[in-house]
Amino acid sequence: MEEFGVLLLEISKPSYWEYYYVSTYQNAFFDIEGANSIEEALAEGYQCTEEEAKEFFPKFRWVSNNVKR
């Protein structure tokens, strides 16, 4: 089983949102969204494995959401 997580973007403070994360629209387009809770970012963010994050998104911080598939 692989562990999935989301990709967070580091934004300097002050900023409007507490967390910025990568999301997808209809699994075709990537976008950056904002949230004030980590729970919302983990629920709404693009789901990928840590290996995918390192290979395709090295400038983002991968955070596990403790979901295994």
N, C-alpha and C. Protein backbone atom coordinates (compact mmCIF):
# COMPACT_ATOMS: atom_id res chain seq x y z
N MET A 1 0.83 -1.18 0.00
CA MET A 1 0.00 0.00 0.00
C MET A 1 0.87 1.25 0.00
N GLU A 2 0.46 2.21 -0.78
CA GLU A 2 1.18 3.47 -0.84
C GLU A 2 0.48 4.51 0.02
N GLU A 3 1.28 5.39 0.62
CA GLU A 3 0.74 6.47 1.43
C GLU A 3 0.58 7.72 0.55
N PHE A 4 -0.55 8.37 0.68
CA PHE A 4 -0.83 9.56 -0.11
C PHE A 4 -0.79 10.81 0.75
N GLY A 5 -0.52 11.92 0.10
CA GLY A 5 -0.49 13.21 0.78
C GLY A 5 -0.77 14.31 -0.22
N VAL A 6 -0.62 15.55 0.23
CA VAL A 6 -0.85 16.71 -0.63
C VAL A 6 0.40 17.57 -0.68
N LEU A 7 0.42 18.47 -1.65
CA LEU A 7 1.55 19.36 -1.87
C LEU A 7 1.22 20.75 -1.36
N LEU A 8 2.05 21.25 -0.45
CA LEU A 8 1.88 22.60 0.08
C LEU A 8 2.93 23.52 -0.51
N LEU A 9 2.55 24.76 -0.70
CA LEU A 9 3.44 25.78 -1.22
C LEU A 9 3.80 26.73 -0.08
N GLU A 10 5.08 27.01 0.08
CA GLU A 10 5.53 27.93 1.12
C GLU A 10 5.39 29.36 0.63
N ILE A 11 4.59 30.17 1.33
CA ILE A 11 4.37 31.57 1.01
C ILE A 11 4.85 32.39 2.20
N SER A 12 5.58 33.47 1.93
CA SER A 12 6.05 34.30 3.03
C SER A 12 4.87 34.99 3.71
N LYS A 13 5.01 35.21 4.99
CA LYS A 13 3.97 35.86 5.78
C LYS A 13 4.18 37.36 5.72
N PRO A 14 3.19 38.19 5.85
CA PRO A 14 1.79 37.83 6.01
C PRO A 14 1.16 37.44 4.68
N SER A 15 0.20 36.56 4.75
CA SER A 15 -0.53 36.16 3.56
C SER A 15 -2.00 35.98 3.93
N TYR A 16 -2.85 35.96 2.95
CA TYR A 16 -4.29 35.87 3.18
C TYR A 16 -4.67 34.53 3.79
N TRP A 17 -4.12 33.44 3.25
CA TRP A 17 -4.41 32.09 3.74
C TRP A 17 -3.27 31.56 4.58
N GLU A 18 -3.58 30.65 5.46
CA GLU A 18 -2.56 30.00 6.28
C GLU A 18 -1.80 28.94 5.47
N TYR A 19 -2.53 28.20 4.60
CA TYR A 19 -1.94 27.14 3.79
C TYR A 19 -2.31 27.35 2.33
N TYR A 20 -1.34 27.13 1.46
CA TYR A 20 -1.57 27.12 0.01
C TYR A 20 -1.23 25.73 -0.49
N TYR A 21 -2.08 25.15 -1.31
CA TYR A 21 -1.90 23.77 -1.74
C TYR A 21 -2.23 23.62 -3.22
N VAL A 22 -1.70 22.55 -3.81
CA VAL A 22 -1.96 22.24 -5.21
C VAL A 22 -3.27 21.46 -5.29
N SER A 23 -4.14 21.88 -6.21
CA SER A 23 -5.40 21.17 -6.44
C SER A 23 -5.55 20.92 -7.93
N THR A 24 -6.52 20.10 -8.27
CA THR A 24 -6.80 19.85 -9.69
C THR A 24 -8.26 20.16 -9.97
N TYR A 25 -8.52 20.52 -11.21
CA TYR A 25 -9.87 20.76 -11.67
C TYR A 25 -10.19 19.71 -12.71
N GLN A 26 -11.15 18.83 -12.41
CA GLN A 26 -11.57 17.74 -13.29
C GLN A 26 -10.37 16.87 -13.73
N ASN A 27 -9.40 16.71 -12.83
CA ASN A 27 -8.20 15.89 -13.09
C ASN A 27 -7.46 16.29 -14.35
N ALA A 28 -7.61 17.54 -14.78
CA ALA A 28 -6.95 17.97 -16.01
C ALA A 28 -6.06 19.19 -15.80
N PHE A 29 -6.42 20.07 -14.90
CA PHE A 29 -5.68 21.31 -14.71
C PHE A 29 -5.22 21.44 -13.26
N PHE A 30 -4.01 21.91 -13.07
CA PHE A 30 -3.50 22.16 -11.72
C PHE A 30 -3.73 23.62 -11.36
N ASP A 31 -3.98 23.87 -10.08
CA ASP A 31 -4.21 25.22 -9.58
C ASP A 31 -3.67 25.31 -8.16
N ILE A 32 -3.48 26.52 -7.68
CA ILE A 32 -3.08 26.75 -6.30
C ILE A 32 -4.30 27.31 -5.58
N GLU A 33 -4.67 26.67 -4.48
CA GLU A 33 -5.81 27.09 -3.66
C GLU A 33 -5.31 27.46 -2.27
N GLY A 34 -6.14 28.11 -1.50
CA GLY A 34 -5.78 28.50 -0.14
C GLY A 34 -6.78 27.98 0.87
N ALA A 35 -6.30 27.78 2.10
CA ALA A 35 -7.15 27.32 3.20
C ALA A 35 -6.58 27.83 4.52
N ASN A 36 -7.43 27.98 5.50
CA ASN A 36 -6.97 28.39 6.83
C ASN A 36 -6.78 27.22 7.78
N SER A 37 -7.16 26.01 7.36
CA SER A 37 -6.94 24.84 8.20
C SER A 37 -6.20 23.77 7.40
N ILE A 38 -5.33 23.05 8.09
CA ILE A 38 -4.58 21.97 7.43
C ILE A 38 -5.54 20.86 7.03
N GLU A 39 -6.61 20.66 7.79
CA GLU A 39 -7.58 19.62 7.47
C GLU A 39 -8.23 19.88 6.11
N GLU A 40 -8.58 21.15 5.84
CA GLU A 40 -9.17 21.49 4.54
C GLU A 40 -8.17 21.28 3.41
N ALA A 41 -6.93 21.69 3.63
CA ALA A 41 -5.90 21.51 2.60
C ALA A 41 -5.68 20.03 2.31
N LEU A 42 -5.65 19.20 3.35
CA LEU A 42 -5.46 17.76 3.15
C LEU A 42 -6.65 17.12 2.45
N ALA A 43 -7.84 17.61 2.72
CA ALA A 43 -9.04 17.03 2.11
C ALA A 43 -9.21 17.47 0.65
N GLU A 44 -8.86 18.70 0.33
CA GLU A 44 -9.13 19.26 -0.99
C GLU A 44 -7.94 19.21 -1.94
N GLY A 45 -6.74 18.98 -1.42
CA GLY A 45 -5.53 19.03 -2.24
C GLY A 45 -5.36 17.84 -3.17
N TYR A 46 -4.52 18.03 -4.17
CA TYR A 46 -4.16 16.97 -5.12
C TYR A 46 -3.45 15.85 -4.37
N GLN A 47 -3.94 14.64 -4.51
CA GLN A 47 -3.40 13.48 -3.80
C GLN A 47 -2.30 12.81 -4.62
N CYS A 48 -1.13 12.65 -4.01
CA CYS A 48 -0.03 11.97 -4.70
C CYS A 48 0.85 11.28 -3.66
N THR A 49 1.71 10.39 -4.13
CA THR A 49 2.64 9.72 -3.22
C THR A 49 3.86 10.61 -3.00
N GLU A 50 4.63 10.29 -2.00
CA GLU A 50 5.84 11.05 -1.71
C GLU A 50 6.84 10.95 -2.86
N GLU A 51 6.92 9.78 -3.50
CA GLU A 51 7.82 9.59 -4.63
C GLU A 51 7.42 10.48 -5.81
N GLU A 52 6.12 10.55 -6.11
CA GLU A 52 5.64 11.44 -7.18
C GLU A 52 5.97 12.89 -6.86
N ALA A 53 5.79 13.27 -5.62
CA ALA A 53 6.06 14.65 -5.20
C ALA A 53 7.54 15.00 -5.42
N LYS A 54 8.43 14.10 -5.04
CA LYS A 54 9.86 14.35 -5.21
C LYS A 54 10.25 14.44 -6.68
N GLU A 55 9.64 13.60 -7.51
CA GLU A 55 10.00 13.55 -8.93
C GLU A 55 9.40 14.71 -9.73
N PHE A 56 8.13 15.00 -9.53
CA PHE A 56 7.44 15.96 -10.38
C PHE A 56 7.22 17.33 -9.75
N PHE A 57 7.27 17.40 -8.42
CA PHE A 57 6.99 18.67 -7.73
C PHE A 57 8.05 18.96 -6.67
N PRO A 58 9.32 19.06 -7.04
CA PRO A 58 10.37 19.19 -6.03
C PRO A 58 10.33 20.50 -5.24
N LYS A 59 9.67 21.53 -5.73
CA LYS A 59 9.65 22.81 -5.02
C LYS A 59 8.51 22.92 -4.01
N PHE A 60 7.68 21.90 -3.93
CA PHE A 60 6.58 21.90 -2.98
C PHE A 60 6.90 21.00 -1.80
N ARG A 61 6.23 21.24 -0.69
CA ARG A 61 6.41 20.40 0.50
C ARG A 61 5.28 19.37 0.52
N TRP A 62 5.64 18.09 0.54
CA TRP A 62 4.66 17.01 0.59
C TRP A 62 4.28 16.75 2.04
N VAL A 63 2.98 16.65 2.31
CA VAL A 63 2.48 16.38 3.67
C VAL A 63 1.55 15.18 3.59
N SER A 64 1.84 14.18 4.39
CA SER A 64 1.02 12.98 4.41
C SER A 64 -0.35 13.26 5.01
N ASN A 65 -1.38 12.64 4.43
CA ASN A 65 -2.71 12.73 5.03
C ASN A 65 -3.12 11.39 5.64
N ASN A 66 -2.14 10.48 5.78
CA ASN A 66 -2.34 9.18 6.40
C ASN A 66 -3.40 8.32 5.72
N VAL A 67 -3.55 8.49 4.41
CA VAL A 67 -4.44 7.63 3.63
C VAL A 67 -3.58 6.67 2.83
N LYS A 68 -3.86 5.39 2.95
CA LYS A 68 -3.11 4.37 2.20
C LYS A 68 -4.04 3.71 1.21
N ARG A 69 -3.51 3.54 -0.03
CA ARG A 69 -4.29 2.87 -1.09
C ARG A 69 -3.46 1.78 -1.69
